[in-house]
Amino acid sequence: METLQKLALAITIIGSLNWGVVGIFKFDVIAQLTDGAYQPLARFLYVIIGLSGLMTLSVLFNYWQRTDEPATVPTTD
């Protein structure tokens, strides 16, 4: 599962870079590569990026859960 989460993180980063380019330059890389944002391939890629973002949320929540756990101090009896 860790490999899938790493792949999802990479796809999420690529998707966020695409949206950064859209916001700054008004140029959608995925739409350009697939001949339009409403083409089936473009829509498929957008769905994959969205699902990857949701999977990445689980990584974030797991990280928060680990950091919220109190540290255990070994006792010497």
PDB file of N, CA and C in Angstrom:
ATOM      1  N   MET A   1       0.824  -1.200   0.000  1.00  0.00           N
ATOM      2  CA  MET A   1       0.000   0.000   0.000  1.00  0.00           C
ATOM      3  C   MET A   1       0.864   1.257   0.000  1.00  0.00           C
ATOM      4  N   GLU A   2       2.047   1.158   0.595  1.00  0.00           N
ATOM      5  CA  GLU A   2       2.914   2.332   0.662  1.00  0.00           C
ATOM      6  C   GLU A   2       3.312   2.809  -0.738  1.00  0.00           C
ATOM      7  N   THR A   3       3.550   1.873  -1.658  1.00  0.00           N
ATOM      8  CA  THR A   3       3.904   2.240  -3.028  1.00  0.00           C
ATOM      9  C   THR A   3       2.750   2.967  -3.705  1.00  0.00           C
ATOM     10  N   LEU A   4       1.531   2.493  -3.475  1.00  0.00           N
ATOM     11  CA  LEU A   4       0.354   3.147  -4.044  1.00  0.00           C
ATOM     12  C   LEU A   4       0.190   4.556  -3.485  1.00  0.00           C
ATOM     13  N   GLN A   5       0.460   4.738  -2.202  1.00  0.00           N
ATOM     14  CA  GLN A   5       0.356   6.063  -1.600  1.00  0.00           C
ATOM     15  C   GLN A   5       1.426   7.000  -2.156  1.00  0.00           C
ATOM     16  N   LYS A   6       2.623   6.485  -2.405  1.00  0.00           N
ATOM     17  CA  LYS A   6       3.677   7.313  -3.007  1.00  0.00           C
ATOM     18  C   LYS A   6       3.294   7.718  -4.420  1.00  0.00           C
ATOM     19  N   LEU A   7       2.730   6.785  -5.181  1.00  0.00           N
ATOM     20  CA  LEU A   7       2.270   7.103  -6.524  1.00  0.00           C
ATOM     21  C   LEU A   7       1.161   8.142  -6.488  1.00  0.00           C
ATOM     22  N   ALA A   8       0.230   7.987  -5.553  1.00  0.00           N
ATOM     23  CA  ALA A   8      -0.862   8.961  -5.407  1.00  0.00           C
ATOM     24  C   ALA A   8      -0.315  10.334  -5.047  1.00  0.00           C
ATOM     25  N   LEU A   9       0.693  10.378  -4.194  1.00  0.00           N
ATOM     26  CA  LEU A   9       1.294  11.658  -3.831  1.00  0.00           C
ATOM     27  C   LEU A   9       1.949  12.308  -5.043  1.00  0.00           C
ATOM     28  N   ALA A  10       2.663  11.527  -5.840  1.00  0.00           N
ATOM     29  CA  ALA A  10       3.304  12.062  -7.036  1.00  0.00           C
ATOM     30  C   ALA A  10       2.264  12.606  -8.019  1.00  0.00           C
ATOM     31  N   ILE A  11       1.178  11.872  -8.219  1.00  0.00           N
ATOM     32  CA  ILE A  11       0.116  12.327  -9.125  1.00  0.00           C
ATOM     33  C   ILE A  11      -0.538  13.591  -8.585  1.00  0.00           C
ATOM     34  N   THR A  12      -0.729  13.660  -7.278  1.00  0.00           N
ATOM     35  CA  THR A  12      -1.322  14.850  -6.661  1.00  0.00           C
ATOM     36  C   THR A  12      -0.425  16.059  -6.862  1.00  0.00           C
ATOM     37  N   ILE A  13       0.869  15.870  -6.718  1.00  0.00           N
ATOM     38  CA  ILE A  13       1.811  16.982  -6.927  1.00  0.00           C
ATOM     39  C   ILE A  13       1.779  17.442  -8.375  1.00  0.00           C
ATOM     40  N   ILE A  14       1.770  16.492  -9.318  1.00  0.00           N
ATOM     41  CA  ILE A  14       1.684  16.862 -10.732  1.00  0.00           C
ATOM     42  C   ILE A  14       0.392  17.622 -11.013  1.00  0.00           C
ATOM     43  N   GLY A  15      -0.712  17.155 -10.437  1.00  0.00           N
ATOM     44  CA  GLY A  15      -1.991  17.847 -10.617  1.00  0.00           C
ATOM     45  C   GLY A  15      -1.979  19.249 -10.024  1.00  0.00           C
ATOM     46  N   SER A  16      -1.351  19.399  -8.874  1.00  0.00           N
ATOM     47  CA  SER A  16      -1.303  20.733  -8.260  1.00  0.00           C
ATOM     48  C   SER A  16      -0.412  21.672  -9.074  1.00  0.00           C
ATOM     49  N   LEU A  17       0.648  21.132  -9.664  1.00  0.00           N
ATOM     50  CA  LEU A  17       1.482  21.964 -10.543  1.00  0.00           C
ATOM     51  C   LEU A  17       0.688  22.401 -11.773  1.00  0.00           C
ATOM     52  N   ASN A  18      -0.139  21.509 -12.308  1.00  0.00           N
ATOM     53  CA  ASN A  18      -0.995  21.881 -13.437  1.00  0.00           C
ATOM     54  C   ASN A  18      -1.932  23.022 -13.046  1.00  0.00           C
ATOM     55  N   TRP A  19      -2.549  22.921 -11.863  1.00  0.00           N
ATOM     56  CA  TRP A  19      -3.460  23.981 -11.441  1.00  0.00           C
ATOM     57  C   TRP A  19      -2.716  25.280 -11.152  1.00  0.00           C
ATOM     58  N   GLY A  20      -1.468  25.180 -10.706  1.00  0.00           N
ATOM     59  CA  GLY A  20      -0.661  26.384 -10.532  1.00  0.00           C
ATOM     60  C   GLY A  20      -0.409  27.073 -11.861  1.00  0.00           C
ATOM     61  N   VAL A  21      -0.112  26.289 -12.889  1.00  0.00           N
ATOM     62  CA  VAL A  21       0.091  26.846 -14.224  1.00  0.00           C
ATOM     63  C   VAL A  21      -1.209  27.465 -14.746  1.00  0.00           C
ATOM     64  N   VAL A  22      -2.329  26.802 -14.478  1.00  0.00           N
ATOM     65  CA  VAL A  22      -3.627  27.359 -14.885  1.00  0.00           C
ATOM     66  C   VAL A  22      -3.857  28.704 -14.203  1.00  0.00           C
ATOM     67  N   GLY A  23      -3.573  28.777 -12.916  1.00  0.00           N
ATOM     68  CA  GLY A  23      -3.815  30.012 -12.176  1.00  0.00           C
ATOM     69  C   GLY A  23      -2.893  31.151 -12.578  1.00  0.00           C
ATOM     70  N   ILE A  24      -1.650  30.834 -12.859  1.00  0.00           N
ATOM     71  CA  ILE A  24      -0.678  31.894 -13.175  1.00  0.00           C
ATOM     72  C   ILE A  24      -0.726  32.276 -14.650  1.00  0.00           C
ATOM     73  N   PHE A  25      -0.741  31.286 -15.536  1.00  0.00           N
ATOM     74  CA  PHE A  25      -0.600  31.545 -16.968  1.00  0.00           C
ATOM     75  C   PHE A  25      -1.873  31.302 -17.778  1.00  0.00           C
ATOM     76  N   LYS A  26      -2.952  30.849 -17.120  1.00  0.00           N
ATOM     77  CA  LYS A  26      -4.207  30.524 -17.813  1.00  0.00           C
ATOM     78  C   LYS A  26      -3.963  29.494 -18.925  1.00  0.00           C
ATOM     79  N   PHE A  27      -3.147  28.491 -18.616  1.00  0.00           N
ATOM     80  CA  PHE A  27      -2.805  27.448 -19.575  1.00  0.00           C
ATOM     81  C   PHE A  27      -2.947  26.102 -18.889  1.00  0.00           C
ATOM     82  N   ASP A  28      -3.862  25.275 -19.370  1.00  0.00           N
ATOM     83  CA  ASP A  28      -4.108  23.962 -18.788  1.00  0.00           C
ATOM     84  C   ASP A  28      -3.313  22.921 -19.571  1.00  0.00           C
ATOM     85  N   VAL A  29      -2.278  22.384 -18.951  1.00  0.00           N
ATOM     86  CA  VAL A  29      -1.393  21.431 -19.615  1.00  0.00           C
ATOM     87  C   VAL A  29      -2.149  20.170 -20.019  1.00  0.00           C
ATOM     88  N   ILE A  30      -2.975  19.646 -19.132  1.00  0.00           N
ATOM     89  CA  ILE A  30      -3.719  18.421 -19.442  1.00  0.00           C
ATOM     90  C   ILE A  30      -4.677  18.655 -20.599  1.00  0.00           C
ATOM     91  N   ALA A  31      -5.377  19.763 -20.586  1.00  0.00           N
ATOM     92  CA  ALA A  31      -6.299  20.064 -21.688  1.00  0.00           C
ATOM     93  C   ALA A  31      -5.531  20.221 -22.993  1.00  0.00           C
ATOM     94  N   GLN A  32      -4.375  20.816 -22.941  1.00  0.00           N
ATOM     95  CA  GLN A  32      -3.573  20.992 -24.150  1.00  0.00           C
ATOM     96  C   GLN A  32      -3.098  19.645 -24.703  1.00  0.00           C
ATOM     97  N   LEU A  33      -2.665  18.764 -23.802  1.00  0.00           N
ATOM     98  CA  LEU A  33      -2.159  17.458 -24.233  1.00  0.00           C
ATOM     99  C   LEU A  33      -3.259  16.542 -24.764  1.00  0.00           C
ATOM    100  N   THR A  34      -4.490  16.761 -24.330  1.00  0.00           N
ATOM    101  CA  THR A  34      -5.593  15.873 -24.720  1.00  0.00           C
ATOM    102  C   THR A  34      -6.587  16.542 -25.663  1.00  0.00           C
ATOM    103  N   ASP A  35      -6.221  17.670 -26.240  1.00  0.00           N
ATOM    104  CA  ASP A  35      -7.075  18.399 -27.192  1.00  0.00           C
ATOM    105  C   ASP A  35      -8.379  18.889 -26.581  1.00  0.00           C
ATOM    106  N   GLY A  36      -8.347  19.288 -25.334  1.00  0.00           N
ATOM    107  CA  GLY A  36      -9.526  19.877 -24.709  1.00  0.00           C
ATOM    108  C   GLY A  36      -9.814  19.299 -23.345  1.00  0.00           C
ATOM    109  N   ALA A  37     -10.309  20.166 -22.466  1.00  0.00           N
ATOM    110  CA  ALA A  37     -10.562  19.760 -21.082  1.00  0.00           C
ATOM    111  C   ALA A  37     -11.737  18.804 -20.959  1.00  0.00           C
ATOM    112  N   TYR A  38     -12.608  18.770 -21.951  1.00  0.00           N
ATOM    113  CA  TYR A  38     -13.804  17.926 -21.853  1.00  0.00           C
ATOM    114  C   TYR A  38     -13.678  16.641 -22.658  1.00  0.00           C
ATOM    115  N   GLN A  39     -12.496  16.378 -23.172  1.00  0.00           N
ATOM    116  CA  GLN A  39     -12.260  15.122 -23.877  1.00  0.00           C
ATOM    117  C   GLN A  39     -12.239  13.979 -22.855  1.00  0.00           C
ATOM    118  N   PRO A  40     -12.631  12.788 -23.262  1.00  0.00           N
ATOM    119  CA  PRO A  40     -12.681  11.667 -22.309  1.00  0.00           C
ATOM    120  C   PRO A  40     -11.343  11.401 -21.606  1.00  0.00           C
ATOM    121  N   LEU A  41     -10.238  11.498 -22.328  1.00  0.00           N
ATOM    122  CA  LEU A  41      -8.937  11.255 -21.702  1.00  0.00           C
ATOM    123  C   LEU A  41      -8.622  12.321 -20.655  1.00  0.00           C
ATOM    124  N   ALA A  42      -8.918  13.564 -20.957  1.00  0.00           N
ATOM    125  CA  ALA A  42      -8.687  14.645 -19.997  1.00  0.00           C
ATOM    126  C   ALA A  42      -9.545  14.441 -18.756  1.00  0.00           C
ATOM    127  N   ARG A  43     -10.803  14.115 -18.944  1.00  0.00           N
ATOM    128  CA  ARG A  43     -11.688  13.888 -17.800  1.00  0.00           C
ATOM    129  C   ARG A  43     -11.200  12.718 -16.958  1.00  0.00           C
ATOM    130  N   PHE A  44     -10.704  11.656 -17.617  1.00  0.00           N
ATOM    131  CA  PHE A  44     -10.151  10.509 -16.905  1.00  0.00           C
ATOM    132  C   PHE A  44      -8.949  10.937 -16.065  1.00  0.00           C
ATOM    133  N   LEU A  45      -8.057  11.728 -16.654  1.00  0.00           N
ATOM    134  CA  LEU A  45      -6.879  12.191 -15.915  1.00  0.00           C
ATOM    135  C   LEU A  45      -7.278  13.069 -14.728  1.00  0.00           C
ATOM    136  N   TYR A  46      -8.276  13.940 -14.922  1.00  0.00           N
ATOM    137  CA  TYR A  46      -8.747  14.765 -13.811  1.00  0.00           C
ATOM    138  C   TYR A  46      -9.310  13.897 -12.679  1.00  0.00           C
ATOM    139  N   VAL A  47     -10.026  12.847 -13.028  1.00  0.00           N
ATOM    140  CA  VAL A  47     -10.575  11.935 -12.012  1.00  0.00           C
ATOM    141  C   VAL A  47      -9.441  11.219 -11.280  1.00  0.00           C
ATOM    142  N   ILE A  48      -8.429  10.757 -12.006  1.00  0.00           N
ATOM    143  CA  ILE A  48      -7.285  10.093 -11.379  1.00  0.00           C
ATOM    144  C   ILE A  48      -6.577  11.047 -10.423  1.00  0.00           C
ATOM    145  N   ILE A  49      -6.405  12.287 -10.834  1.00  0.00           N
ATOM    146  CA  ILE A  49      -5.760  13.275  -9.963  1.00  0.00           C
ATOM    147  C   ILE A  49      -6.614  13.523  -8.717  1.00  0.00           C
ATOM    148  N   GLY A  50      -7.925  13.616  -8.891  1.00  0.00           N
ATOM    149  CA  GLY A  50      -8.813  13.811  -7.737  1.00  0.00           C
ATOM    150  C   GLY A  50      -8.780  12.650  -6.770  1.00  0.00           C
ATOM    151  N   LEU A  51      -8.808  11.434  -7.301  1.00  0.00           N
ATOM    152  CA  LEU A  51      -8.740  10.251  -6.436  1.00  0.00           C
ATOM    153  C   LEU A  51      -7.394  10.172  -5.725  1.00  0.00           C
ATOM    154  N   SER A  52      -6.340  10.565  -6.422  1.00  0.00           N
ATOM    155  CA  SER A  52      -5.017  10.582  -5.793  1.00  0.00           C
ATOM    156  C   SER A  52      -4.976  11.586  -4.646  1.00  0.00           C
ATOM    157  N   GLY A  53      -5.623  12.710  -4.834  1.00  0.00           N
ATOM    158  CA  GLY A  53      -5.701  13.690  -3.755  1.00  0.00           C
ATOM    159  C   GLY A  53      -6.419  13.140  -2.534  1.00  0.00           C
ATOM    160  N   LEU A  54      -7.499  12.395  -2.766  1.00  0.00           N
ATOM    161  CA  LEU A  54      -8.213  11.785  -1.648  1.00  0.00           C
ATOM    162  C   LEU A  54      -7.350  10.741  -0.940  1.00  0.00           C
ATOM    163  N   MET A  55      -6.596   9.959  -1.706  1.00  0.00           N
ATOM    164  CA  MET A  55      -5.700   8.969  -1.097  1.00  0.00           C
ATOM    165  C   MET A  55      -4.601   9.657  -0.290  1.00  0.00           C
ATOM    166  N   THR A  56      -4.144  10.786  -0.778  1.00  0.00           N
ATOM    167  CA  THR A  56      -3.093  11.520  -0.085  1.00  0.00           C
ATOM    168  C   THR A  56      -3.602  12.071   1.247  1.00  0.00           C
ATOM    169  N   LEU A  57      -4.891  12.360   1.320  1.00  0.00           N
ATOM    170  CA  LEU A  57      -5.463  12.805   2.592  1.00  0.00           C
ATOM    171  C   LEU A  57      -5.288  11.747   3.671  1.00  0.00           C
ATOM    172  N   SER A  58      -5.410  10.489   3.304  1.00  0.00           N
ATOM    173  CA  SER A  58      -5.230   9.434   4.298  1.00  0.00           C
ATOM    174  C   SER A  58      -3.801   9.425   4.832  1.00  0.00           C
ATOM    175  N   VAL A  59      -2.835   9.730   3.978  1.00  0.00           N
ATOM    176  CA  VAL A  59      -1.444   9.822   4.428  1.00  0.00           C
ATOM    177  C   VAL A  59      -1.315  10.949   5.446  1.00  0.00           C
ATOM    178  N   LEU A  60      -1.968  12.071   5.166  1.00  0.00           N
ATOM    179  CA  LEU A  60      -1.915  13.216   6.085  1.00  0.00           C
ATOM    180  C   LEU A  60      -2.548  12.872   7.427  1.00  0.00           C
ATOM    181  N   PHE A  61      -3.713  12.233   7.402  1.00  0.00           N
ATOM    182  CA  PHE A  61      -4.375  11.880   8.656  1.00  0.00           C
ATOM    183  C   PHE A  61      -3.567  10.863   9.447  1.00  0.00           C
ATOM    184  N   ASN A  62      -2.933   9.914   8.765  1.00  0.00           N
ATOM    185  CA  ASN A  62      -2.063   8.960   9.454  1.00  0.00           C
ATOM    186  C   ASN A  62      -0.888   9.674  10.104  1.00  0.00           C
ATOM    187  N   TYR A  63      -0.340  10.656   9.434  1.00  0.00           N
ATOM    188  CA  TYR A  63       0.766  11.428  10.002  1.00  0.00           C
ATOM    189  C   TYR A  63       0.303  12.185  11.241  1.00  0.00           C
ATOM    190  N   TRP A  64      -0.862  12.831  11.147  1.00  0.00           N
ATOM    191  CA  TRP A  64      -1.381  13.563  12.303  1.00  0.00           C
ATOM    192  C   TRP A  64      -1.634  12.636  13.469  1.00  0.00           C
ATOM    193  N   GLN A  65      -2.156  11.450  13.194  1.00  0.00           N
ATOM    194  CA  GLN A  65      -2.452  10.499  14.262  1.00  0.00           C
ATOM    195  C   GLN A  65      -1.163  10.076  14.961  1.00  0.00           C
ATOM    196  N   ARG A  66      -0.087   9.868  14.206  1.00  0.00           N
ATOM    197  CA  ARG A  66       1.186   9.469  14.813  1.00  0.00           C
ATOM    198  C   ARG A  66       1.788  10.590  15.647  1.00  0.00           C
ATOM    199  N   THR A  67       1.632  11.844  15.209  1.00  0.00           N
ATOM    200  CA  THR A  67       2.233  12.948  15.948  1.00  0.00           C
ATOM    201  C   THR A  67       1.395  13.341  17.156  1.00  0.00           C
ATOM    202  N   ASP A  68       0.111  12.979  17.180  1.00  0.00           N
ATOM    203  CA  ASP A  68      -0.746  13.297  18.318  1.00  0.00           C
ATOM    204  C   ASP A  68      -0.599  12.314  19.471  1.00  0.00           C
ATOM    205  N   GLU A  69      -0.034  11.152  19.197  1.00  0.00           N
ATOM    206  CA  GLU A  69       0.126  10.164  20.253  1.00  0.00           C
ATOM    207  C   GLU A  69       1.162  10.644  21.259  1.00  0.00           C
ATOM    208  N   PRO A  70       0.876  10.515  22.529  1.00  0.00           N
ATOM    209  CA  PRO A  70       1.835  10.968  23.522  1.00  0.00           C
ATOM    210  C   PRO A  70       3.101  10.101  23.495  1.00  0.00           C
ATOM    211  N   ALA A  71       4.191  10.761  23.724  1.00  0.00           N
ATOM    212  CA  ALA A  71       5.458  10.033  23.760  1.00  0.00           C
ATOM    213  C   ALA A  71       5.540   9.204  25.036  1.00  0.00           C
ATOM    214  N   THR A  72       6.006   8.010  24.890  1.00  0.00           N
ATOM    215  CA  THR A  72       6.148   7.152  26.065  1.00  0.00           C
ATOM    216  C   THR A  72       7.577   7.267  26.570  1.00  0.00           C
ATOM    217  N   VAL A  73       7.672   7.464  27.849  1.00  0.00           N
ATOM    218  CA  VAL A  73       8.983   7.586  28.491  1.00  0.00           C
ATOM    219  C   VAL A  73       9.277   6.289  29.200  1.00  0.00           C
ATOM    220  N   PRO A  74      10.409   5.670  28.874  1.00  0.00           N
ATOM    221  CA  PRO A  74      10.718   4.410  29.557  1.00  0.00           C
ATOM    222  C   PRO A  74      10.969   4.651  31.048  1.00  0.00           C
ATOM    223  N   THR A  75      10.426   3.770  31.830  1.00  0.00           N
ATOM    224  CA  THR A  75      10.619   3.896  33.283  1.00  0.00           C
ATOM    225  C   THR A  75      11.639   2.878  33.743  1.00  0.00           C
ATOM    226  N   THR A  76      12.365   3.258  34.736  1.00  0.00           N
ATOM    227  CA  THR A  76      13.343   2.327  35.332  1.00  0.00           C
ATOM    228  C   THR A  76      12.835   1.940  36.709  1.00  0.00           C
ATOM    229  N   ASP A  77      12.463   0.711  36.844  1.00  0.00           N
ATOM    230  CA  ASP A  77      11.937   0.228  38.124  1.00  0.00           C
ATOM    231  C   ASP A  77      12.967  -0.577  38.847  1.00  0.00           C
TER     232      ASP A  77
END
